[in-house]
Amino acid sequence: DSTRSQRVYWQLLDVDRNCEHGPFKGKGQGRGHRENLKSCSITIEEGNQCKGEPFKSSFDSASRREDPWPLVTYTSFQKDLPQAQLDKSLALAQTSSGYSPVFTKLTMRAETGLSAHEVEGHTVVVYDARGVAMACAPIARALSRPEPQSMLPALLQQAAPKPLRAANFVKHPNSVGDLDVWGEVLIFELLGESIPLLGHYITWDLEGTDARCSKGRSATDPKSCSVRITKSSSCSDPNEEAFYKTEERHSNPWDYVSYTSVQGLHIVVARSPGVPVLTGHDSPDAMDQTVIVYDYEGKPAACAVVDMQ
């Protein structure tokens, strides 16, 4: 089943401070860094890399076109925090004034085509900004299941009683296909003491998406099978520039957001429980921008203006 996935929650200290603006994906970005798909990523891999065994990314290549783990990335930051705001097991040192760690804390979902049982015994690997493995830990069955809310305090906040919404989809002016997409995309605010960079948490419930996205996006085009907010205020505007602050991100955060289509009884659908996107903007900034849904070839298929729900 191509919809089988792993939702990964993390809270890590002493990660690479060079990941403060996210992963490096372009050549020549950042002194001493090289283009590497694993830059600032957290992956699950077969084999026990901690013991020097050969390894490869954990995903079902029969149901997924590309490795989903390079899309699971972290942003590091340094901030003074009192002990009460950090898990005691993660404390590096105690001081009277609190802690000043470089850390990261977030949750993301990787559509691997594997069940939780199938990744048991594999290894979690944390990569630095250069895409070099810096830490690893074998996966074992948890004695108890932690509540995500307890692991991620103040991570997801709705700044308003209701999230922003993009609905009433129409065909994009640059569309070259015959897809008839409809449904809605909800945009929550991603903001809190744990996250210094503003962003969004988006969910979607769409019908009429591209059936060719049943195994995920194409490995050759980051817009393939994607959903993204753009810097356009009208669906008659052909502009497709992604909505994020370039000065705060090393790479386009929307390149990590894609949908998987599932064939329903009479129509193709795509649903997501939520994806964090660190854009540098807060939720009100997305008002009156447009959401574009792309087909498998990375061509815009449908567009809707963001407004209040």
Protein backbone atom coordinates (compact mmCIF):
# COMPACT_ATOMS: atom_id res chain seq x y z
CA ASP A 1 0.00 0.00 0.00
CA SER A 2 1.64 3.23 -1.20
CA THR A 3 -0.06 5.20 1.58
CA ARG A 4 1.77 3.35 4.36
CA SER A 5 4.12 5.73 6.07
CA GLN A 6 6.12 6.67 9.14
CA ARG A 7 5.34 9.79 11.15
CA VAL A 8 8.57 10.81 12.85
CA TYR A 9 8.67 13.00 15.96
CA TRP A 10 12.04 14.28 17.05
CA GLN A 11 13.65 16.34 19.78
CA LEU A 12 17.42 16.41 19.35
CA LEU A 13 20.26 18.36 20.91
CA ASP A 14 23.73 19.13 19.54
CA VAL A 15 22.66 18.96 15.89
CA ASP A 16 24.49 20.86 13.13
CA ARG A 17 24.17 24.62 13.65
CA ASN A 18 24.79 25.06 9.89
CA CYS A 19 21.25 23.76 9.36
CA GLU A 20 19.78 26.94 10.89
CA HIS A 21 18.26 27.87 7.52
CA GLY A 22 17.36 24.34 6.55
CA PRO A 23 19.09 21.95 4.13
CA PHE A 24 21.52 22.90 1.38
CA LYS A 25 20.21 21.66 -1.96
CA GLY A 26 21.84 23.91 -4.54
CA LYS A 27 25.42 23.89 -5.70
CA GLY A 28 27.67 26.52 -4.18
CA GLN A 29 25.26 27.40 -1.37
CA GLY A 30 27.13 27.89 1.85
CA ARG A 31 30.87 27.92 2.40
CA GLY A 32 32.31 24.43 2.64
CA HIS A 33 29.04 22.75 1.72
CA ARG A 34 28.25 20.63 -1.29
CA GLU A 35 25.04 19.60 -2.99
CA ASN A 36 23.74 16.54 -1.18
CA LEU A 37 20.22 15.17 -0.94
CA LYS A 38 20.76 14.13 2.68
CA SER A 39 21.73 17.60 3.90
CA CYS A 40 20.14 18.27 7.33
CA SER A 41 17.99 15.17 7.06
CA ILE A 42 16.70 12.54 9.47
CA THR A 43 16.33 9.16 7.80
CA ILE A 44 15.49 5.54 8.53
CA GLU A 45 17.89 3.14 6.85
CA GLU A 46 18.26 -0.59 6.54
CA GLY A 47 21.29 -2.14 8.22
CA ASN A 48 22.91 -0.99 11.44
CA GLN A 49 25.11 1.90 10.40
CA CYS A 50 26.08 2.30 14.05
CA LYS A 51 28.05 -0.94 13.65
CA GLY A 52 29.44 -0.04 10.24
CA GLU A 53 27.09 -2.34 8.31
CA PRO A 54 26.11 -1.51 4.70
CA PHE A 55 22.89 0.44 4.58
CA LYS A 56 20.27 1.91 2.27
CA SER A 57 17.17 4.01 2.79
CA SER A 58 14.15 2.16 4.17
CA PHE A 59 11.32 2.36 1.66
CA ASP A 60 9.42 0.09 -0.70
CA SER A 61 10.87 0.80 -4.14
CA ALA A 62 7.99 -1.14 -5.74
CA SER A 63 5.42 1.35 -4.47
CA ARG A 64 7.51 4.55 -4.30
CA ARG A 65 9.33 6.15 -7.23
CA GLU A 66 11.92 7.95 -5.14
CA ASP A 67 13.51 7.77 -1.73
CA PRO A 68 11.19 9.78 0.57
CA TRP A 69 13.72 10.29 3.37
CA PRO A 70 15.71 13.21 1.88
CA LEU A 71 12.43 15.14 2.14
CA VAL A 72 12.44 14.75 5.94
CA THR A 73 14.71 17.58 7.05
CA TYR A 74 15.39 19.57 10.20
CA THR A 75 16.13 23.21 10.97
CA SER A 76 18.47 23.82 13.90
CA PHE A 77 18.51 26.78 16.22
CA GLN A 78 20.05 27.99 19.44
CA LYS A 79 17.98 29.49 22.19
CA ASP A 80 18.19 29.93 25.95
CA LEU A 81 15.65 27.62 27.53
CA PRO A 82 14.94 26.81 31.18
CA GLN A 83 15.36 23.21 32.21
CA ALA A 84 11.60 22.74 32.50
CA GLN A 85 11.23 23.14 28.74
CA LEU A 86 13.69 20.36 27.88
CA ASP A 87 13.38 16.64 28.39
CA LYS A 88 15.69 15.73 31.29
CA SER A 89 17.14 12.86 29.28
CA LEU A 90 18.35 15.32 26.66
CA ALA A 91 20.07 17.74 29.01
CA LEU A 92 23.72 18.34 28.11
CA ALA A 93 24.72 20.35 31.15
CA GLN A 94 23.07 22.07 34.06
CA THR A 95 23.57 25.72 34.79
CA SER A 96 21.85 28.12 37.11
CA SER A 97 20.56 30.15 34.17
CA GLY A 98 19.26 27.26 32.09
CA TYR A 99 20.40 25.85 28.75
CA SER A 100 21.71 27.25 25.47
CA PRO A 101 21.67 24.19 23.20
CA VAL A 102 21.63 23.86 19.46
CA PHE A 103 18.58 21.72 18.93
CA THR A 104 15.71 20.81 16.65
CA LYS A 105 12.16 19.74 17.37
CA LEU A 106 9.47 18.88 14.84
CA THR A 107 7.32 16.15 13.30
CA MET A 108 7.17 15.05 9.67
CA ARG A 109 5.72 12.16 7.70
CA ALA A 110 7.58 9.95 5.21
CA GLU A 111 5.49 7.93 2.76
CA THR A 112 7.67 4.83 2.52
CA GLY A 113 5.18 2.11 1.59
CA LEU A 114 6.35 0.27 4.74
CA SER A 115 4.57 -0.50 7.99
CA ALA A 116 6.00 0.30 11.42
CA HIS A 117 6.73 -3.41 11.92
CA GLU A 118 8.82 -3.47 8.73
CA VAL A 119 11.20 -0.74 9.91
CA GLU A 120 11.75 -2.29 13.33
CA GLY A 121 15.43 -3.14 13.67
CA HIS A 122 16.45 -0.52 11.10
CA THR A 123 18.48 2.57 12.01
CA VAL A 124 17.64 6.27 12.43
CA VAL A 125 20.48 8.40 11.01
CA VAL A 126 20.90 12.15 11.51
CA TYR A 127 22.88 14.00 8.83
CA ASP A 128 24.72 17.31 9.02
CA ALA A 129 24.53 20.18 6.52
CA ARG A 130 27.06 18.48 4.23
CA GLY A 131 24.97 15.34 4.06
CA VAL A 132 27.44 13.40 6.24
CA ALA A 133 26.05 11.05 8.90
CA MET A 134 26.66 12.50 12.37
CA ALA A 135 24.58 10.27 14.65
CA CYS A 136 22.60 7.04 14.56
CA ALA A 137 20.41 4.86 16.74
CA PRO A 138 18.82 1.44 16.11
CA ILE A 139 15.01 1.26 16.14
CA ALA A 140 13.42 -0.89 18.83
CA ARG A 141 9.82 -1.33 19.89
CA ALA A 142 8.79 1.34 22.41
CA LEU A 143 7.65 0.16 25.83
CA SER A 144 4.88 2.74 25.70
CA ARG A 145 3.50 5.00 23.01
CA PRO A 146 4.20 8.68 23.79
CA GLU A 147 1.57 11.24 23.02
CA PRO A 148 2.77 13.59 20.24
CA GLN A 149 1.41 16.58 22.14
CA SER A 150 3.67 15.83 25.11
CA MET A 151 6.71 15.63 22.83
CA LEU A 152 5.93 18.81 20.94
CA PRO A 153 4.61 21.46 23.35
CA ALA A 154 3.56 24.75 21.77
CA LEU A 155 4.58 23.52 18.31
CA LEU A 156 1.34 23.87 16.40
CA GLN A 157 -0.82 26.83 17.22
CA GLN A 158 -3.83 28.20 15.39
CA ALA A 159 -3.39 31.96 15.48
CA ALA A 160 -7.08 32.39 14.68
CA PRO A 161 -10.16 30.37 15.68
CA LYS A 162 -10.12 28.84 12.21
CA PRO A 163 -7.26 28.16 9.77
CA LEU A 164 -6.97 29.78 6.38
CA ARG A 165 -8.38 27.80 3.48
CA ALA A 166 -7.92 27.46 -0.27
CA ALA A 167 -10.97 25.98 -2.02
CA ASN A 168 -12.98 26.72 -5.17
CA PHE A 169 -10.21 25.43 -7.41
CA VAL A 170 -10.09 26.49 -11.05
CA LYS A 171 -7.83 25.47 -13.89
CA HIS A 172 -4.45 27.26 -13.75
CA PRO A 173 -3.62 29.44 -16.81
CA ASN A 174 -0.44 27.42 -17.39
CA SER A 175 -2.28 24.10 -17.25
CA VAL A 176 -1.69 21.76 -20.16
CA GLY A 177 -3.78 18.79 -19.02
CA ASP A 178 -7.41 17.95 -18.37
CA LEU A 179 -7.34 17.41 -14.61
CA ASP A 180 -10.38 18.73 -12.75
CA VAL A 181 -9.16 19.21 -9.17
CA TRP A 182 -11.47 20.19 -6.34
CA GLY A 183 -11.46 20.06 -2.56
CA GLU A 184 -9.66 22.16 0.01
CA VAL A 185 -6.26 22.97 1.48
CA LEU A 186 -6.17 24.16 5.11
CA ILE A 187 -3.34 26.39 6.34
CA PHE A 188 -2.57 26.47 10.05
CA GLU A 189 0.05 28.61 11.72
CA LEU A 190 3.29 26.89 12.68
CA LEU A 191 4.50 28.99 15.56
CA GLY A 192 5.59 28.66 19.15
CA GLU A 193 8.44 28.90 21.61
CA SER A 194 9.97 25.74 20.14
CA ILE A 195 10.15 27.12 16.59
CA PRO A 196 12.03 30.37 15.91
CA LEU A 197 11.19 30.43 12.21
CA LEU A 198 7.65 31.15 11.09
CA GLY A 199 5.82 28.82 8.79
CA HIS A 200 2.68 26.85 8.08
CA TYR A 201 1.18 23.48 8.78
CA ILE A 202 -0.94 22.52 5.79
CA THR A 203 -3.41 19.71 5.19
CA TRP A 204 -5.30 18.84 2.04
CA ASP A 205 -8.32 16.82 0.97
CA LEU A 206 -8.41 16.84 -2.82
CA GLU A 207 -10.17 14.94 -5.60
CA GLY A 208 -9.32 14.78 -9.27
CA THR A 209 -5.54 14.77 -8.70
CA ASP A 210 -3.13 13.11 -11.11
CA ALA A 211 -3.43 9.30 -11.04
CA ARG A 212 0.22 9.06 -12.10
CA CYS A 213 1.15 10.30 -8.60
CA SER A 214 0.05 6.97 -7.08
CA LYS A 215 3.70 6.11 -6.35
CA GLY A 216 4.67 9.63 -5.36
CA ARG A 217 6.31 12.34 -7.37
CA SER A 218 8.79 12.10 -10.20
CA ALA A 219 12.44 12.11 -9.11
CA THR A 220 13.30 14.66 -11.81
CA ASP A 221 11.02 17.61 -10.96
CA PRO A 222 10.43 18.99 -7.42
CA LYS A 223 7.08 20.41 -8.56
CA SER A 224 5.84 16.97 -9.57
CA CYS A 225 2.71 15.99 -7.59
CA SER A 226 3.14 19.00 -5.32
CA VAL A 227 0.89 21.37 -3.42
CA ARG A 228 2.35 24.81 -2.75
CA ILE A 229 1.48 28.39 -1.88
CA THR A 230 2.71 30.91 -4.45
CA LYS A 231 3.38 34.64 -4.54
CA SER A 232 0.33 35.40 -6.63
CA SER A 233 -2.99 36.92 -5.61
CA SER A 234 -5.02 35.79 -8.61
CA CYS A 235 -5.56 32.50 -10.40
CA SER A 236 -5.44 34.38 -13.69
CA ASP A 237 -1.81 35.28 -12.93
CA PRO A 238 0.64 32.79 -14.52
CA ASN A 239 3.25 33.52 -11.81
CA GLU A 240 4.30 30.34 -9.97
CA GLU A 241 6.99 31.76 -7.65
CA ALA A 242 6.98 29.86 -4.37
CA PHE A 243 5.83 31.68 -1.23
CA TYR A 244 8.77 31.82 1.20
CA LYS A 245 11.51 34.19 2.36
CA THR A 246 14.63 33.35 0.37
CA GLU A 247 16.88 35.12 2.88
CA GLU A 248 15.80 32.71 5.62
CA ARG A 249 15.94 29.37 3.78
CA HIS A 250 18.87 27.73 1.97
CA SER A 251 16.44 25.99 -0.37
CA ASN A 252 12.79 26.18 -1.40
CA PRO A 253 10.77 24.53 1.43
CA TRP A 254 7.91 23.72 -0.96
CA ASP A 255 10.19 21.32 -2.85
CA TYR A 256 9.65 18.92 0.09
CA VAL A 257 5.84 18.94 -0.14
CA SER A 258 4.11 16.42 -2.41
CA TYR A 259 0.95 14.35 -2.54
CA THR A 260 0.24 10.69 -3.29
CA SER A 261 -2.87 9.88 -5.28
CA VAL A 262 -5.14 6.97 -4.43
CA GLN A 263 -7.72 5.53 -6.83
CA GLY A 264 -11.14 5.76 -5.22
CA LEU A 265 -14.35 4.13 -6.35
CA HIS A 266 -15.04 6.67 -9.06
CA ILE A 267 -12.29 9.29 -8.74
CA VAL A 268 -8.64 9.80 -7.84
CA VAL A 269 -8.10 11.40 -4.42
CA ALA A 270 -5.18 12.79 -2.40
CA ARG A 271 -5.30 13.46 1.32
CA SER A 272 -2.71 14.54 3.89
CA PRO A 273 -3.03 14.77 7.70
CA GLY A 274 -0.51 17.61 7.76
CA VAL A 275 2.88 18.84 6.55
CA PRO A 276 5.01 21.53 8.26
CA VAL A 277 6.48 24.08 5.85
CA LEU A 278 8.98 26.60 7.27
CA THR A 279 8.54 29.59 4.97
CA GLY A 280 9.55 32.50 7.23
CA HIS A 281 6.00 33.85 6.92
CA ASP A 282 3.24 33.73 9.51
CA SER A 283 -0.29 32.63 8.72
CA PRO A 284 -1.81 36.05 7.92
CA ASP A 285 0.87 36.61 5.25
CA ALA A 286 -0.63 33.75 3.23
CA MET A 287 -3.99 35.48 3.01
CA ASP A 288 -4.96 36.28 -0.60
CA GLN A 289 -2.03 34.28 -1.99
CA THR A 290 -2.77 31.29 -4.23
CA VAL A 291 -2.39 27.54 -3.77
CA ILE A 292 -1.38 25.58 -6.85
CA VAL A 293 -1.78 21.82 -7.28
CA TYR A 294 0.67 20.30 -9.78
CA ASP A 295 0.42 17.20 -11.95
CA TYR A 296 2.97 14.40 -12.26
CA GLU A 297 5.01 16.30 -14.87
CA GLY A 298 5.34 19.33 -12.58
CA LYS A 299 2.84 21.38 -14.57
CA PRO A 300 0.26 23.49 -12.71
CA ALA A 301 -3.15 21.86 -12.84
CA ALA A 302 -5.40 23.84 -10.49
CA CYS A 303 -5.39 27.04 -8.47
CA ALA A 304 -7.36 28.55 -5.58
CA VAL A 305 -7.04 31.80 -3.64
CA VAL A 306 -6.35 31.59 0.12
CA ASP A 307 -9.05 33.12 2.29
CA MET A 308 -10.71 32.68 5.67
CA GLN A 309 -12.49 29.39 6.25
